[in-house]
Amino acid sequence: MNVTDVLDLLGIFVFAVSGCVVAVKHRFDMVGLVALGTVTGLAGGITRDVLIGEIPPVALREWEWLVVPIVAAVVVAVLPGWVERLSQPVLVFDAAGLGLFAAVGASRAVDAPVSIPAAVLVGAISAIGGGLLRDVLAGEVPQIFSADSKLYAIPATVGALVVVIGDELALPDTPVQIGAAVIAFGLRMGALHFGWHAPIPRRAIEVDDLRSRP
């Protein structure tokens, strides 16, 4: 198992935790908790592997990839206080998963026969896929589509771009991957803290202004 695999498993774990926390928030039973955690943890990686032609996806070939989400579910169910100590745990774990999956997705894509822009796209898609499906299944507005959720796809894209540039410059893989994950995580958390968001179409701003008037 190489560093990329370790980062992949770590990304699955933190994304699965975010899914399990959402399941607890919506009062899902244990089956629902495990299911939502598993879908959140594995969806991005499976999508990534399909896009780069890695069939069957690694999550269906290696038992560790299927066990990690279950471990995350057990941790959330047995040690809820550990998660609750964090401020906004869903957003923190989601940001961590976003950074890790952006780095891993782009790293696996650059090793596949895809173009440079496609490698960035694959990294971004693999990063946002789990959170997107989690929110849809939980009946929430996906964070990627909500202006209120601040930057989401942009940090993932930046993290993937760092990996692709590092590969083009023949830089060492491990520091580049870790650096890309940290940058994406930092951008997402910075956006949540400082309120950064992508430009909103003027029409949408005018409608919001009208709604806010007494």
Protein backbone atom coordinates (compact mmCIF):
# COMPACT_ATOMS: atom_id res chain seq x y z
CA MET A 1 0.00 0.00 0.00
CA ASN A 2 1.49 3.33 -1.09
CA VAL A 3 0.97 6.88 0.18
CA THR A 4 -1.79 7.56 -2.36
CA ASP A 5 -3.73 4.55 -1.06
CA VAL A 6 -3.32 5.75 2.53
CA LEU A 7 -4.59 9.22 1.64
CA ASP A 8 -7.47 7.61 -0.27
CA LEU A 9 -8.49 5.55 2.78
CA LEU A 10 -8.16 8.57 5.04
CA GLY A 11 -10.36 10.57 2.67
CA ILE A 12 -12.95 7.79 2.71
CA PHE A 13 -12.93 7.80 6.50
CA VAL A 14 -13.43 11.54 6.97
CA PHE A 15 -16.05 11.74 4.23
CA ALA A 16 -17.86 8.74 5.74
CA VAL A 17 -17.82 10.45 9.14
CA SER A 18 -19.44 13.52 7.59
CA GLY A 19 -22.16 11.31 6.11
CA CYS A 20 -22.73 9.55 9.41
CA VAL A 21 -23.01 12.87 11.26
CA VAL A 22 -25.67 13.99 8.77
CA ALA A 23 -27.48 10.68 9.32
CA VAL A 24 -27.49 11.27 13.09
CA LYS A 25 -28.74 14.83 12.53
CA HIS A 26 -31.70 13.46 10.56
CA ARG A 27 -32.31 10.66 13.10
CA PHE A 28 -31.55 7.79 10.72
CA ASP A 29 -31.39 4.33 12.24
CA MET A 30 -28.14 2.34 12.31
CA VAL A 31 -28.73 0.88 8.87
CA GLY A 32 -29.31 4.34 7.43
CA LEU A 33 -26.23 5.66 9.24
CA VAL A 34 -23.98 2.96 7.77
CA ALA A 35 -25.55 3.34 4.32
CA LEU A 36 -25.16 7.12 4.17
CA GLY A 37 -21.62 6.94 5.53
CA THR A 38 -20.67 4.28 2.97
CA VAL A 39 -22.19 6.16 0.05
CA THR A 40 -20.53 9.42 1.11
CA GLY A 41 -17.15 7.78 1.59
CA LEU A 42 -17.07 5.72 -1.60
CA ALA A 43 -19.08 7.63 -4.22
CA GLY A 44 -16.31 10.04 -5.21
CA GLY A 45 -13.67 7.34 -5.55
CA ILE A 46 -15.90 5.03 -7.55
CA THR A 47 -16.81 7.87 -9.91
CA ARG A 48 -13.12 8.70 -10.30
CA ASP A 49 -12.17 5.13 -11.14
CA VAL A 50 -14.96 4.80 -13.70
CA LEU A 51 -13.90 8.05 -15.39
CA ILE A 52 -10.27 6.94 -15.75
CA GLY A 53 -11.18 3.40 -16.81
CA GLU A 54 -10.17 1.66 -13.60
CA ILE A 55 -12.76 -1.13 -13.77
CA PRO A 56 -13.85 -2.55 -11.42
CA PRO A 57 -13.21 0.38 -9.05
CA VAL A 58 -10.67 -0.17 -6.30
CA ALA A 59 -13.44 0.12 -3.68
CA LEU A 60 -14.96 -3.07 -5.11
CA ARG A 61 -11.64 -4.91 -5.44
CA GLU A 62 -9.99 -4.26 -2.08
CA TRP A 63 -11.74 -5.14 1.18
CA GLU A 64 -10.15 -2.26 3.12
CA TRP A 65 -12.05 0.30 1.04
CA LEU A 66 -15.38 -1.24 2.09
CA VAL A 67 -14.46 -1.66 5.76
CA VAL A 68 -13.36 1.95 6.38
CA PRO A 69 -16.87 3.49 6.07
CA ILE A 70 -18.22 0.87 8.48
CA VAL A 71 -15.48 1.77 10.96
CA ALA A 72 -16.44 5.43 10.59
CA ALA A 73 -20.08 4.57 11.30
CA VAL A 74 -19.13 2.64 14.43
CA VAL A 75 -16.96 5.53 15.65
CA VAL A 76 -19.79 8.05 15.21
CA ALA A 77 -22.34 5.72 16.84
CA VAL A 78 -20.18 4.66 19.79
CA LEU A 79 -18.23 7.89 20.38
CA PRO A 80 -20.63 10.73 19.53
CA GLY A 81 -18.92 13.07 21.98
CA TRP A 82 -15.68 12.85 19.98
CA VAL A 83 -17.42 14.30 16.94
CA GLU A 84 -19.53 16.83 18.85
CA ARG A 85 -16.42 18.49 20.30
CA LEU A 86 -15.74 19.97 16.88
CA SER A 87 -17.49 23.13 15.77
CA GLN A 88 -19.71 22.24 12.79
CA PRO A 89 -18.36 18.67 12.46
CA VAL A 90 -20.02 17.98 9.10
CA LEU A 91 -18.28 20.96 7.50
CA VAL A 92 -14.89 20.16 9.04
CA PHE A 93 -14.88 16.50 7.98
CA ASP A 94 -16.36 17.39 4.61
CA ALA A 95 -13.55 19.93 4.02
CA ALA A 96 -10.95 17.33 4.97
CA GLY A 97 -12.47 14.79 2.60
CA LEU A 98 -12.67 17.42 -0.12
CA GLY A 99 -8.94 18.12 0.10
CA LEU A 100 -7.87 14.49 0.30
CA PHE A 101 -10.06 13.33 -2.57
CA ALA A 102 -9.01 16.23 -4.78
CA ALA A 103 -5.37 15.25 -4.28
CA VAL A 104 -5.90 11.51 -4.66
CA GLY A 105 -8.29 11.86 -7.59
CA ALA A 106 -5.89 14.03 -9.56
CA SER A 107 -2.94 11.78 -8.65
CA ARG A 108 -4.68 8.68 -9.98
CA ALA A 109 -5.85 10.59 -13.06
CA VAL A 110 -2.35 11.76 -14.05
CA ASP A 111 -1.27 8.10 -14.03
CA ALA A 112 -4.11 7.26 -16.42
CA PRO A 113 -4.22 8.08 -20.15
CA VAL A 114 -6.16 11.34 -19.77
CA SER A 115 -5.33 14.93 -20.68
CA ILE A 116 -4.11 17.51 -18.19
CA PRO A 117 -7.46 19.38 -18.01
CA ALA A 118 -9.24 16.04 -17.63
CA ALA A 119 -6.99 15.11 -14.70
CA VAL A 120 -7.97 18.35 -12.93
CA LEU A 121 -11.63 17.67 -13.68
CA VAL A 122 -11.43 14.10 -12.39
CA GLY A 123 -9.80 15.33 -9.18
CA ALA A 124 -12.52 17.92 -8.65
CA ILE A 125 -15.36 15.51 -9.44
CA SER A 126 -14.02 12.83 -7.12
CA ALA A 127 -13.76 15.45 -4.35
CA ILE A 128 -17.32 16.75 -4.62
CA GLY A 129 -19.09 13.50 -5.55
CA GLY A 130 -19.46 12.04 -2.06
CA GLY A 131 -20.73 15.23 -0.46
CA LEU A 132 -23.12 15.85 -3.34
CA LEU A 133 -24.73 12.43 -3.05
CA ARG A 134 -24.82 12.67 0.76
CA ASP A 135 -26.79 15.91 0.66
CA VAL A 136 -29.19 14.62 -2.00
CA LEU A 137 -29.95 11.43 -0.06
CA ALA A 138 -30.41 13.40 3.17
CA GLY A 139 -32.86 15.77 1.48
CA GLU A 140 -30.60 18.82 1.75
CA VAL A 141 -29.53 21.35 -0.87
CA PRO A 142 -26.11 20.15 -2.10
CA GLN A 143 -23.39 22.47 -0.85
CA ILE A 144 -21.91 22.83 -4.32
CA PHE A 145 -25.14 24.45 -5.53
CA SER A 146 -25.77 26.74 -2.58
CA ALA A 147 -24.29 30.25 -2.38
CA ASP A 148 -24.74 30.08 1.39
CA SER A 149 -22.24 27.20 1.64
CA LYS A 150 -19.37 29.38 0.36
CA LEU A 151 -16.57 28.02 -1.86
CA TYR A 152 -16.79 24.28 -2.53
CA ALA A 153 -15.88 23.23 -6.06
CA ILE A 154 -13.18 25.90 -6.33
CA PRO A 155 -11.01 24.54 -3.46
CA ALA A 156 -11.36 21.05 -4.93
CA THR A 157 -10.28 22.29 -8.35
CA VAL A 158 -7.32 24.20 -6.91
CA GLY A 159 -6.17 21.13 -4.99
CA ALA A 160 -6.40 18.97 -8.11
CA LEU A 161 -4.55 21.62 -10.13
CA VAL A 162 -1.68 21.66 -7.63
CA VAL A 163 -1.22 17.91 -8.09
CA VAL A 164 -1.29 18.16 -11.88
CA ILE A 165 1.23 21.03 -11.91
CA GLY A 166 3.45 19.11 -9.51
CA ASP A 167 3.36 16.10 -11.81
CA GLU A 168 4.24 18.24 -14.83
CA LEU A 169 7.21 19.68 -12.92
CA ALA A 170 8.27 16.17 -11.83
CA LEU A 171 8.06 17.10 -8.14
CA PRO A 172 7.96 14.36 -5.47
CA ASP A 173 4.48 12.85 -5.28
CA THR A 174 3.95 12.66 -1.52
CA PRO A 175 4.72 16.30 -0.59
CA VAL A 176 2.67 17.51 -3.56
CA GLN A 177 -0.33 15.37 -2.61
CA ILE A 178 -0.22 16.42 1.03
CA GLY A 179 0.29 20.05 0.07
CA ALA A 180 -2.64 19.94 -2.37
CA ALA A 181 -4.92 18.41 0.27
CA VAL A 182 -3.91 21.03 2.83
CA ILE A 183 -4.43 23.89 0.35
CA ALA A 184 -7.91 22.66 -0.63
CA PHE A 185 -8.84 22.13 3.01
CA GLY A 186 -7.52 25.56 3.96
CA LEU A 187 -9.42 27.30 1.16
CA ARG A 188 -12.66 25.59 2.13
CA MET A 189 -12.28 26.37 5.83
CA GLY A 190 -11.21 29.92 5.02
CA ALA A 191 -14.31 30.36 2.88
CA LEU A 192 -16.50 29.12 5.72
CA HIS A 193 -14.81 31.42 8.23
CA PHE A 194 -14.52 34.58 6.16
CA GLY A 195 -17.61 34.14 3.99
CA TRP A 196 -15.85 33.81 0.63
CA HIS A 197 -18.10 32.66 -2.18
CA ALA A 198 -18.19 32.53 -5.95
CA PRO A 199 -19.81 35.47 -7.79
CA ILE A 200 -23.60 35.35 -7.71
CA PRO A 201 -25.52 36.32 -10.91
CA ARG A 202 -26.91 39.85 -10.71
CA ARG A 203 -30.50 38.69 -11.15
CA ALA A 204 -30.19 36.41 -8.12
CA ILE A 205 -28.81 39.30 -6.04
CA GLU A 206 -31.74 41.54 -7.02
CA VAL A 207 -34.26 38.84 -6.09
CA ASP A 208 -32.57 38.33 -2.70
CA ASP A 209 -32.66 42.10 -2.09
CA LEU A 210 -36.39 42.23 -2.84
CA ARG A 211 -37.08 39.32 -0.51
CA SER A 212 -35.15 40.98 2.33
CA ARG A 213 -37.11 44.24 2.15
CA PRO A 214 -39.92 44.71 4.67
